[in-house]
Amino acid sequence: MSRLCALLALLAGTIVVPALAQDSGDISSLSISRCAGRAGIDTRQADAAFGFIAIDGVPWVTIERTEELVGSQAISTTITGTGARRRRDGRSVPFRFVCVLNNRGEALMFHTSHVNPELKDELPPSVLVSGSATYAEKMAAPKGLELRVQLLDVAKSPAEILSEQVVRTGWQVPIPFALRLPKDTGLDGRTLAIAARMMVGRQTLFELKAPQAVTSGDIARPIDLVLAKAGTAKR
């Protein structure tokens, strides 16, 4: 059995503890964005009440280069991690996932396994930095709108990504986010800030013009972000 098949079997039938990112230099919002896009398509087709789907990035994902097949298609990257799906009625269901990309960076498959606390299957202890993001313009959320949000330590140069998330919305803004930090993360000496942008495909529609400072008090309450219209398209 290939390693990918083994991963899928584990997700389908057993409890797995997700590893922290092992190749942090190779992890970016772009990779998890492609997985979120695939997940959004699959979820909308299966669930008419789809609201939001969120994919966690650093430090909760592992990205590995591989040479395997999904059916007849060659894959180059296997991504494993955690996320959550929220329905329009407000219910949020955490999950673990396996996502595979082909040589062109396209997501071929996104497979999830719901976390089951009744079986003592829980995500690792974490500190939550949560809130929502919106924009000032009076317009409906464009189809395929995606929020990319990162918690940064801007005391370092370049800024260190402490936690990130990509959120796909099915219907409206504000878009909620929930950035998880490992519970034992030391915050002394750090200067925290949140960076965020909303995109459709490769185009940035709205963004924070500069990272928004986050204090220790902010961590204990929801953070509301208002993004400005982007001046130019970004990749």
Protein backbone atom coordinates (compact mmCIF):
# COMPACT_ATOMS: atom_id res chain seq x y z
CA MET A 1 0.00 0.00 0.00
CA SER A 2 1.39 3.46 -0.90
CA ARG A 3 1.97 6.05 1.78
CA LEU A 4 -0.88 8.18 0.38
CA CYS A 5 -3.29 5.26 0.53
CA ALA A 6 -2.16 4.58 4.07
CA LEU A 7 -2.87 8.20 5.03
CA LEU A 8 -6.36 8.00 3.56
CA ALA A 9 -7.01 4.76 5.41
CA LEU A 10 -5.92 6.32 8.67
CA LEU A 11 -8.18 9.32 8.17
CA ALA A 12 -11.10 7.12 7.29
CA GLY A 13 -10.87 4.73 10.19
CA THR A 14 -8.59 5.76 13.05
CA ILE A 15 -7.62 8.60 15.33
CA VAL A 16 -4.52 10.48 14.20
CA VAL A 17 -2.64 13.26 16.01
CA PRO A 18 -1.62 15.90 13.43
CA ALA A 19 2.06 16.73 13.27
CA LEU A 20 3.34 20.28 13.39
CA ALA A 21 4.80 21.61 10.18
CA GLN A 22 8.15 19.99 9.41
CA ASP A 23 9.08 22.03 6.34
CA SER A 24 8.06 25.53 7.36
CA GLY A 25 10.09 27.20 4.64
CA ASP A 26 7.95 25.50 2.02
CA ILE A 27 4.56 26.25 3.54
CA SER A 28 2.52 29.18 2.27
CA SER A 29 -1.02 30.37 1.98
CA LEU A 30 -0.88 29.47 -1.71
CA SER A 31 -0.68 25.72 -1.05
CA ILE A 32 -3.49 25.65 1.49
CA SER A 33 -5.47 28.05 -0.70
CA ARG A 34 -5.54 25.49 -3.48
CA CYS A 35 -6.74 22.87 -1.01
CA ALA A 36 -9.40 25.25 0.31
CA GLY A 37 -10.63 25.86 -3.24
CA ARG A 38 -10.99 22.13 -3.86
CA ALA A 39 -12.72 21.70 -0.49
CA GLY A 40 -15.12 24.56 -1.24
CA ILE A 41 -16.16 23.02 -4.56
CA ASP A 42 -16.68 19.59 -3.00
CA THR A 43 -18.58 21.01 -0.01
CA ARG A 44 -20.94 23.16 -2.09
CA GLN A 45 -21.83 20.15 -4.20
CA ALA A 46 -22.55 17.99 -1.15
CA ASP A 47 -24.09 20.56 1.21
CA ALA A 48 -26.52 23.24 0.09
CA ALA A 49 -26.19 24.87 3.53
CA PHE A 50 -22.45 25.40 3.09
CA GLY A 51 -21.28 28.52 4.90
CA PHE A 52 -17.53 28.56 5.41
CA ILE A 53 -14.64 26.14 5.23
CA ALA A 54 -11.34 26.99 6.92
CA ILE A 55 -7.96 25.34 6.35
CA ASP A 56 -5.20 25.82 8.93
CA GLY A 57 -1.70 26.62 7.74
CA VAL A 58 1.44 27.11 9.85
CA PRO A 59 2.11 25.44 12.23
CA TRP A 60 -0.56 22.75 11.80
CA VAL A 61 0.15 21.44 8.31
CA THR A 62 2.78 19.17 6.84
CA ILE A 63 3.66 19.53 3.15
CA GLU A 64 5.62 16.74 1.53
CA ARG A 65 6.90 16.24 -2.00
CA THR A 66 6.01 12.87 -3.43
CA GLU A 67 5.74 10.82 -6.62
CA GLU A 68 2.52 8.82 -6.50
CA LEU A 69 -0.67 8.36 -8.46
CA VAL A 70 -4.31 9.22 -7.78
CA GLY A 71 -6.01 7.03 -10.35
CA SER A 72 -4.06 7.78 -13.51
CA GLN A 73 -2.94 11.26 -12.43
CA ALA A 74 0.55 11.91 -11.07
CA ILE A 75 0.80 13.96 -7.89
CA SER A 76 3.72 16.00 -6.62
CA THR A 77 2.58 17.24 -3.19
CA THR A 78 0.71 15.73 -0.25
CA ILE A 79 -0.65 18.13 2.35
CA THR A 80 -2.03 16.98 5.70
CA GLY A 81 -3.49 19.17 8.43
CA THR A 82 -6.59 20.45 10.19
CA GLY A 83 -9.51 22.73 9.53
CA ALA A 84 -13.18 23.37 10.25
CA ARG A 85 -16.43 23.51 8.30
CA ARG A 86 -19.23 25.87 9.32
CA ARG A 87 -22.82 25.60 8.17
CA ARG A 88 -25.22 28.52 7.79
CA ASP A 89 -26.88 27.58 11.10
CA GLY A 90 -23.62 28.42 12.88
CA ARG A 91 -22.47 24.89 13.66
CA SER A 92 -18.73 24.40 13.24
CA VAL A 93 -17.19 20.95 12.78
CA PRO A 94 -13.40 20.49 13.07
CA PHE A 95 -11.67 17.97 10.83
CA ARG A 96 -8.35 16.58 9.68
CA PHE A 97 -7.57 16.41 5.99
CA VAL A 98 -5.35 15.04 3.26
CA CYS A 99 -5.03 17.12 0.09
CA VAL A 100 -2.99 16.22 -2.99
CA LEU A 101 -1.69 18.53 -5.73
CA ASN A 102 -0.50 17.66 -9.22
CA ASN A 103 2.59 19.02 -10.95
CA ARG A 104 0.68 22.15 -11.99
CA GLY A 105 -0.28 22.91 -8.39
CA GLU A 106 -3.93 21.95 -8.93
CA ALA A 107 -5.73 20.22 -6.06
CA LEU A 108 -6.88 16.82 -7.27
CA MET A 109 -8.46 15.58 -4.06
CA PHE A 110 -9.43 16.79 -0.59
CA HIS A 111 -10.39 14.13 1.96
CA THR A 112 -11.56 14.90 5.51
CA SER A 113 -12.14 13.00 8.73
CA HIS A 114 -14.20 14.71 11.44
CA VAL A 115 -12.68 15.08 14.90
CA ASN A 116 -14.67 12.99 17.40
CA PRO A 117 -14.35 14.18 21.04
CA GLU A 118 -16.58 11.31 22.19
CA LEU A 119 -13.71 8.97 21.24
CA LYS A 120 -11.20 11.28 22.96
CA ASP A 121 -10.15 12.43 19.52
CA GLU A 122 -9.33 16.13 19.90
CA LEU A 123 -7.07 18.70 18.32
CA PRO A 124 -3.90 19.57 20.26
CA PRO A 125 -4.26 22.22 23.03
CA SER A 126 -4.03 25.70 21.59
CA VAL A 127 -4.48 29.41 22.20
CA LEU A 128 -7.14 30.85 19.91
CA VAL A 129 -6.92 34.23 18.19
CA SER A 130 -10.31 34.62 16.54
CA GLY A 131 -12.44 37.24 14.88
CA SER A 132 -13.90 38.20 11.52
CA ALA A 133 -12.98 40.19 8.44
CA THR A 134 -15.16 42.34 6.22
CA TYR A 135 -14.87 45.27 3.79
CA ALA A 136 -16.49 48.69 3.74
CA GLU A 137 -17.89 48.53 0.18
CA LYS A 138 -21.61 47.77 -0.17
CA MET A 139 -21.44 44.65 -2.31
CA ALA A 140 -22.26 40.97 -2.06
CA ALA A 141 -19.45 38.52 -1.52
CA PRO A 142 -18.10 37.50 -4.95
CA LYS A 143 -18.25 33.82 -5.83
CA GLY A 144 -15.08 32.08 -4.72
CA LEU A 145 -14.10 34.79 -2.21
CA GLU A 146 -11.26 33.67 0.02
CA LEU A 147 -9.79 35.17 3.19
CA ARG A 148 -6.09 34.66 3.87
CA VAL A 149 -5.16 35.67 7.41
CA GLN A 150 -1.88 35.35 9.30
CA LEU A 151 -0.71 36.03 12.84
CA LEU A 152 2.79 37.48 12.65
CA ASP A 153 5.68 38.31 14.94
CA VAL A 154 6.76 41.59 13.33
CA ALA A 155 9.63 42.04 15.77
CA LYS A 156 11.60 39.78 13.43
CA SER A 157 12.79 40.61 9.94
CA PRO A 158 11.30 39.16 7.88
CA ALA A 159 8.18 38.77 10.00
CA GLU A 160 7.66 35.26 11.38
CA ILE A 161 4.35 33.54 10.61
CA LEU A 162 3.07 32.09 13.88
CA SER A 163 -0.28 30.87 12.59
CA GLU A 164 -2.28 31.16 9.38
CA GLN A 165 -5.62 30.19 7.93
CA VAL A 166 -7.40 30.27 4.59
CA VAL A 167 -11.20 30.59 4.73
CA ARG A 168 -13.55 30.02 1.78
CA THR A 169 -17.01 31.56 2.06
CA GLY A 170 -20.08 30.19 0.41
CA TRP A 171 -22.33 33.17 0.73
CA GLN A 172 -21.54 36.29 2.76
CA VAL A 173 -19.25 38.52 4.81
CA PRO A 174 -18.03 39.06 7.52
CA ILE A 175 -15.82 35.99 7.19
CA PRO A 176 -14.89 34.38 10.51
CA PHE A 177 -11.37 33.16 11.24
CA ALA A 178 -9.75 31.25 14.11
CA LEU A 179 -5.96 31.23 14.30
CA ARG A 180 -4.62 28.54 16.62
CA LEU A 181 -1.28 28.81 18.42
CA PRO A 182 0.22 25.78 20.19
CA LYS A 183 -0.54 26.27 23.87
CA ASP A 184 3.12 26.28 24.85
CA THR A 185 4.04 29.08 22.40
CA GLY A 186 6.08 31.71 24.24
CA LEU A 187 4.82 35.23 23.55
CA ASP A 188 7.31 37.19 25.68
CA GLY A 189 9.38 39.52 23.53
CA ARG A 190 7.14 39.12 20.50
CA THR A 191 5.35 41.93 18.69
CA LEU A 192 2.13 40.45 17.34
CA ALA A 193 0.12 41.65 14.35
CA ILE A 194 -2.47 40.28 11.94
CA ALA A 195 -2.16 40.48 8.15
CA ALA A 196 -5.20 39.75 6.00
CA ARG A 197 -6.44 39.94 2.44
CA MET A 198 -9.48 38.76 0.50
CA MET A 199 -8.95 37.25 -2.91
CA VAL A 200 -10.75 35.72 -5.85
CA GLY A 201 -8.40 33.48 -7.76
CA ARG A 202 -5.08 35.32 -8.04
CA GLN A 203 -6.56 38.79 -7.60
CA THR A 204 -6.47 40.61 -4.28
CA LEU A 205 -9.73 42.54 -3.88
CA PHE A 206 -9.38 43.80 -0.30
CA GLU A 207 -6.51 43.93 2.19
CA LEU A 208 -5.19 45.43 5.37
CA LYS A 209 -2.82 48.15 4.17
CA ALA A 210 -0.49 47.28 7.06
CA PRO A 211 -0.54 44.48 9.66
CA GLN A 212 -2.90 45.30 12.54
CA ALA A 213 -1.28 45.21 15.98
CA VAL A 214 -2.51 42.53 18.40
CA THR A 215 -2.14 42.91 22.17
CA SER A 216 -2.44 40.25 24.86
CA GLY A 217 -5.90 41.65 25.61
CA ASP A 218 -6.96 41.20 21.99
CA ILE A 219 -6.23 37.48 22.19
CA ALA A 220 -9.00 37.09 24.77
CA ARG A 221 -11.72 38.68 22.59
CA PRO A 222 -12.87 38.63 18.97
CA ILE A 223 -10.87 40.83 16.61
CA ASP A 224 -12.80 42.68 13.90
CA LEU A 225 -10.90 43.51 10.71
CA VAL A 226 -12.10 45.96 8.05
CA LEU A 227 -10.16 45.53 4.81
CA ALA A 228 -9.63 48.32 2.29
CA LYS A 229 -10.01 47.98 -1.47
CA ALA A 230 -6.76 46.82 -3.01
CA GLY A 231 -5.10 49.26 -5.37
CA THR A 232 -3.64 46.65 -7.73
CA ALA A 233 -4.00 42.96 -8.48
CA LYS A 234 -1.53 40.66 -6.74
CA ARG A 235 -0.39 37.11 -7.37
